[in-house]
């Protein structure tokens, strides 16, 4: 059974940092594009960041560019999201996701992703 399990969420003050982890089990994802999405209350799930299979290519939503960093450790089958200079508008449930292949097109499109974690809550207080 394939599982993506997020951890590292919590409550932090504005300006603070958090590091999210996503541990995969059931299969390896070293050949898959992976990403983070988030969903705030009453809003649609939105793209945050994506990383290609090797970790050498990344892309970010404009709202987090320069503050968040996505990375991966294929040996550990884990993806990370380092979040710095957090703002109250970053408050959301953050989801780890993986595509079924290494394709990179439409990396910000939710519908391209096959495997999803259960999410981890990030709350940023002002």
C-alpha atoms as a PDB file:
ATOM      1  CA  UNK A   1       0.000   0.000   0.000  1.00  0.00           C
ATOM      2  CA  UNK A   2       1.422   3.342  -1.070  1.00  0.00           C
ATOM      3  CA  UNK A   3       1.450   6.003   1.611  1.00  0.00           C
ATOM      4  CA  UNK A   4       2.661   9.581   1.854  1.00  0.00           C
ATOM      5  CA  UNK A   5       2.857  10.790   5.439  1.00  0.00           C
ATOM      6  CA  UNK A   6       3.427  14.468   6.207  1.00  0.00           C
ATOM      7  CA  UNK A   7       4.843  15.790   9.451  1.00  0.00           C
ATOM      8  CA  UNK A   8       6.286  18.992  10.858  1.00  0.00           C
ATOM      9  CA  UNK A   9       3.236  21.214  10.870  1.00  0.00           C
ATOM     10  CA  UNK A  10       2.217  23.296  13.843  1.00  0.00           C
ATOM     11  CA  UNK A  11       1.598  26.757  15.230  1.00  0.00           C
ATOM     12  CA  UNK A  12       4.202  29.455  14.622  1.00  0.00           C
ATOM     13  CA  UNK A  13       4.329  33.234  14.886  1.00  0.00           C
ATOM     14  CA  UNK A  14       4.586  35.401  11.812  1.00  0.00           C
ATOM     15  CA  UNK A  15       8.190  35.607  10.663  1.00  0.00           C
ATOM     16  CA  UNK A  16       8.973  32.169  11.990  1.00  0.00           C
ATOM     17  CA  UNK A  17       9.967  28.962  10.225  1.00  0.00           C
ATOM     18  CA  UNK A  18       8.779  25.395   9.885  1.00  0.00           C
ATOM     19  CA  UNK A  19      10.105  22.391   8.012  1.00  0.00           C
ATOM     20  CA  UNK A  20       7.613  19.925   6.624  1.00  0.00           C
ATOM     21  CA  UNK A  21       8.592  16.352   5.787  1.00  0.00           C
ATOM     22  CA  UNK A  22       6.836  13.825   3.600  1.00  0.00           C
ATOM     23  CA  UNK A  23       7.865  10.203   4.018  1.00  0.00           C
ATOM     24  CA  UNK A  24       6.820   7.784   1.307  1.00  0.00           C
ATOM     25  CA  UNK A  25       6.297   4.077   1.788  1.00  0.00           C
ATOM     26  CA  UNK A  26       4.974   1.199  -0.258  1.00  0.00           C
ATOM     27  CA  UNK A  27       7.078   2.104  -3.304  1.00  0.00           C
ATOM     28  CA  UNK A  28       9.963   4.342  -4.201  1.00  0.00           C
ATOM     29  CA  UNK A  29       9.392   7.749  -5.749  1.00  0.00           C
ATOM     30  CA  UNK A  30      12.911   8.450  -6.972  1.00  0.00           C
ATOM     31  CA  UNK A  31      11.619   8.670 -10.549  1.00  0.00           C
ATOM     32  CA  UNK A  32       8.582  10.814  -9.793  1.00  0.00           C
ATOM     33  CA  UNK A  33       7.822  14.481  -9.781  1.00  0.00           C
ATOM     34  CA  UNK A  34       6.656  15.476  -6.308  1.00  0.00           C
ATOM     35  CA  UNK A  35       5.027  18.581  -4.955  1.00  0.00           C
ATOM     36  CA  UNK A  36       3.363  20.382  -2.088  1.00  0.00           C
ATOM     37  CA  UNK A  37      -0.098  21.890  -2.263  1.00  0.00           C
ATOM     38  CA  UNK A  38      -2.066  23.682   0.428  1.00  0.00           C
ATOM     39  CA  UNK A  39      -5.687  24.376   1.228  1.00  0.00           C
ATOM     40  CA  UNK A  40      -6.942  27.151   3.455  1.00  0.00           C
ATOM     41  CA  UNK A  41     -10.448  27.088   4.954  1.00  0.00           C
ATOM     42  CA  UNK A  42     -13.059  27.935   2.353  1.00  0.00           C
ATOM     43  CA  UNK A  43     -10.532  27.978  -0.474  1.00  0.00           C
ATOM     44  CA  UNK A  44      -9.489  25.610  -3.206  1.00  0.00           C
ATOM     45  CA  UNK A  45      -6.355  23.520  -2.931  1.00  0.00           C
ATOM     46  CA  UNK A  46      -3.473  25.438  -4.489  1.00  0.00           C
ATOM     47  CA  UNK A  47       0.000  24.674  -5.745  1.00  0.00           C
ATOM     48  CA  UNK A  48       2.937  25.614  -3.532  1.00  0.00           C
ATOM     49  CA  UNK A  49       6.098  23.998  -4.914  1.00  0.00           C
ATOM     50  CA  UNK A  50       7.284  21.107  -7.081  1.00  0.00           C
ATOM     51  CA  UNK A  51      10.549  19.228  -7.507  1.00  0.00           C
ATOM     52  CA  UNK A  52      11.593  16.980 -10.359  1.00  0.00           C
ATOM     53  CA  UNK A  53      12.768  13.423  -9.910  1.00  0.00           C
ATOM     54  CA  UNK A  54      16.443  14.327  -9.434  1.00  0.00           C
ATOM     55  CA  UNK A  55      15.866  17.298  -7.171  1.00  0.00           C
ATOM     56  CA  UNK A  56      17.744  19.612  -9.525  1.00  0.00           C
ATOM     57  CA  UNK A  57      14.691  21.402 -10.896  1.00  0.00           C
ATOM     58  CA  UNK A  58      12.192  23.200  -8.705  1.00  0.00           C
ATOM     59  CA  UNK A  59       9.330  25.594  -9.175  1.00  0.00           C
ATOM     60  CA  UNK A  60       7.342  27.742  -6.765  1.00  0.00           C
ATOM     61  CA  UNK A  61       4.108  29.635  -6.598  1.00  0.00           C
ATOM     62  CA  UNK A  62       4.719  33.377  -6.696  1.00  0.00           C
ATOM     63  CA  UNK A  63       3.269  33.735  -3.208  1.00  0.00           C
ATOM     64  CA  UNK A  64       6.031  31.628  -1.634  1.00  0.00           C
ATOM     65  CA  UNK A  65       8.962  32.287  -3.938  1.00  0.00           C
ATOM     66  CA  UNK A  66      12.037  33.360  -1.998  1.00  0.00           C
ATOM     67  CA  UNK A  67      10.600  32.121   1.314  1.00  0.00           C
ATOM     68  CA  UNK A  68       9.985  28.396   0.771  1.00  0.00           C
ATOM     69  CA  UNK A  69      12.403  25.724  -0.441  1.00  0.00           C
ATOM     70  CA  UNK A  70      11.424  22.276  -1.669  1.00  0.00           C
ATOM     71  CA  UNK A  71      13.968  19.478  -1.653  1.00  0.00           C
ATOM     72  CA  UNK A  72      14.116  15.713  -1.715  1.00  0.00           C
ATOM     73  CA  UNK A  73      16.248  12.868  -0.471  1.00  0.00           C
ATOM     74  CA  UNK A  74      15.661   9.910  -2.766  1.00  0.00           C
ATOM     75  CA  UNK A  75      17.726   7.605  -0.582  1.00  0.00           C
ATOM     76  CA  UNK A  76      15.268   8.302   2.239  1.00  0.00           C
ATOM     77  CA  UNK A  77      12.219   8.437  -0.057  1.00  0.00           C
ATOM     78  CA  UNK A  78      11.401  11.788   1.543  1.00  0.00           C
ATOM     79  CA  UNK A  79      10.458  15.266   0.342  1.00  0.00           C
ATOM     80  CA  UNK A  80      10.846  18.417   2.395  1.00  0.00           C
ATOM     81  CA  UNK A  81       9.401  21.904   2.426  1.00  0.00           C
ATOM     82  CA  UNK A  82      11.415  24.489   4.340  1.00  0.00           C
ATOM     83  CA  UNK A  83       9.192  27.469   5.088  1.00  0.00           C
ATOM     84  CA  UNK A  84      10.777  30.725   6.267  1.00  0.00           C
ATOM     85  CA  UNK A  85       9.383  34.202   6.920  1.00  0.00           C
ATOM     86  CA  UNK A  86       5.943  32.720   7.426  1.00  0.00           C
ATOM     87  CA  UNK A  87       2.901  34.944   7.100  1.00  0.00           C
ATOM     88  CA  UNK A  88      -0.638  34.538   8.446  1.00  0.00           C
ATOM     89  CA  UNK A  89      -1.826  33.970   4.869  1.00  0.00           C
ATOM     90  CA  UNK A  90       0.328  30.822   4.762  1.00  0.00           C
ATOM     91  CA  UNK A  91      -2.092  29.214   7.226  1.00  0.00           C
ATOM     92  CA  UNK A  92      -3.488  26.071   5.602  1.00  0.00           C
ATOM     93  CA  UNK A  93      -3.396  22.300   5.512  1.00  0.00           C
ATOM     94  CA  UNK A  94      -0.309  21.317   3.520  1.00  0.00           C
ATOM     95  CA  UNK A  95      -0.416  18.207   1.355  1.00  0.00           C
ATOM     96  CA  UNK A  96       2.418  16.182  -0.108  1.00  0.00           C
ATOM     97  CA  UNK A  97       1.749  14.623  -3.475  1.00  0.00           C
ATOM     98  CA  UNK A  98       3.461  12.570  -6.155  1.00  0.00           C
ATOM     99  CA  UNK A  99       2.873  12.019  -9.821  1.00  0.00           C
ATOM    100  CA  UNK A 100       2.846   8.542 -11.302  1.00  0.00           C
ATOM    101  CA  UNK A 101       5.896   9.307 -13.438  1.00  0.00           C
ATOM    102  CA  UNK A 102       8.747  11.795 -13.922  1.00  0.00           C
ATOM    103  CA  UNK A 103       6.835  14.038 -16.307  1.00  0.00           C
ATOM    104  CA  UNK A 104       7.297  17.729 -15.592  1.00  0.00           C
ATOM    105  CA  UNK A 105       4.602  19.385 -17.677  1.00  0.00           C
ATOM    106  CA  UNK A 106       1.660  20.923 -15.799  1.00  0.00           C
ATOM    107  CA  UNK A 107       3.640  20.588 -12.549  1.00  0.00           C
ATOM    108  CA  UNK A 108       1.282  23.043 -10.847  1.00  0.00           C
ATOM    109  CA  UNK A 109      -1.880  21.230 -11.894  1.00  0.00           C
ATOM    110  CA  UNK A 110      -3.523  19.333  -9.065  1.00  0.00           C
ATOM    111  CA  UNK A 111      -5.070  16.816 -11.453  1.00  0.00           C
ATOM    112  CA  UNK A 112      -1.647  15.567 -12.619  1.00  0.00           C
ATOM    113  CA  UNK A 113      -0.872  14.081  -9.213  1.00  0.00           C
ATOM    114  CA  UNK A 114      -1.831  10.553  -8.264  1.00  0.00           C
ATOM    115  CA  UNK A 115      -0.704   9.949  -4.686  1.00  0.00           C
ATOM    116  CA  UNK A 116      -1.670  12.234  -1.795  1.00  0.00           C
ATOM    117  CA  UNK A 117      -0.867  12.420   1.888  1.00  0.00           C
ATOM    118  CA  UNK A 118      -3.414  13.169   4.585  1.00  0.00           C
ATOM    119  CA  UNK A 119      -2.112  16.687   5.158  1.00  0.00           C
ATOM    120  CA  UNK A 120      -0.523  18.563   8.025  1.00  0.00           C
ATOM    121  CA  UNK A 121      -1.886  21.766   9.549  1.00  0.00           C
ATOM    122  CA  UNK A 122       0.247  24.911   9.496  1.00  0.00           C
ATOM    123  CA  UNK A 123      -1.060  27.875  11.470  1.00  0.00           C
ATOM    124  CA  UNK A 124       0.723  31.228  11.447  1.00  0.00           C
ATOM    125  CA  UNK A 125      -0.349  33.736  14.067  1.00  0.00           C
ATOM    126  CA  UNK A 126       0.022  37.480  13.610  1.00  0.00           C
END
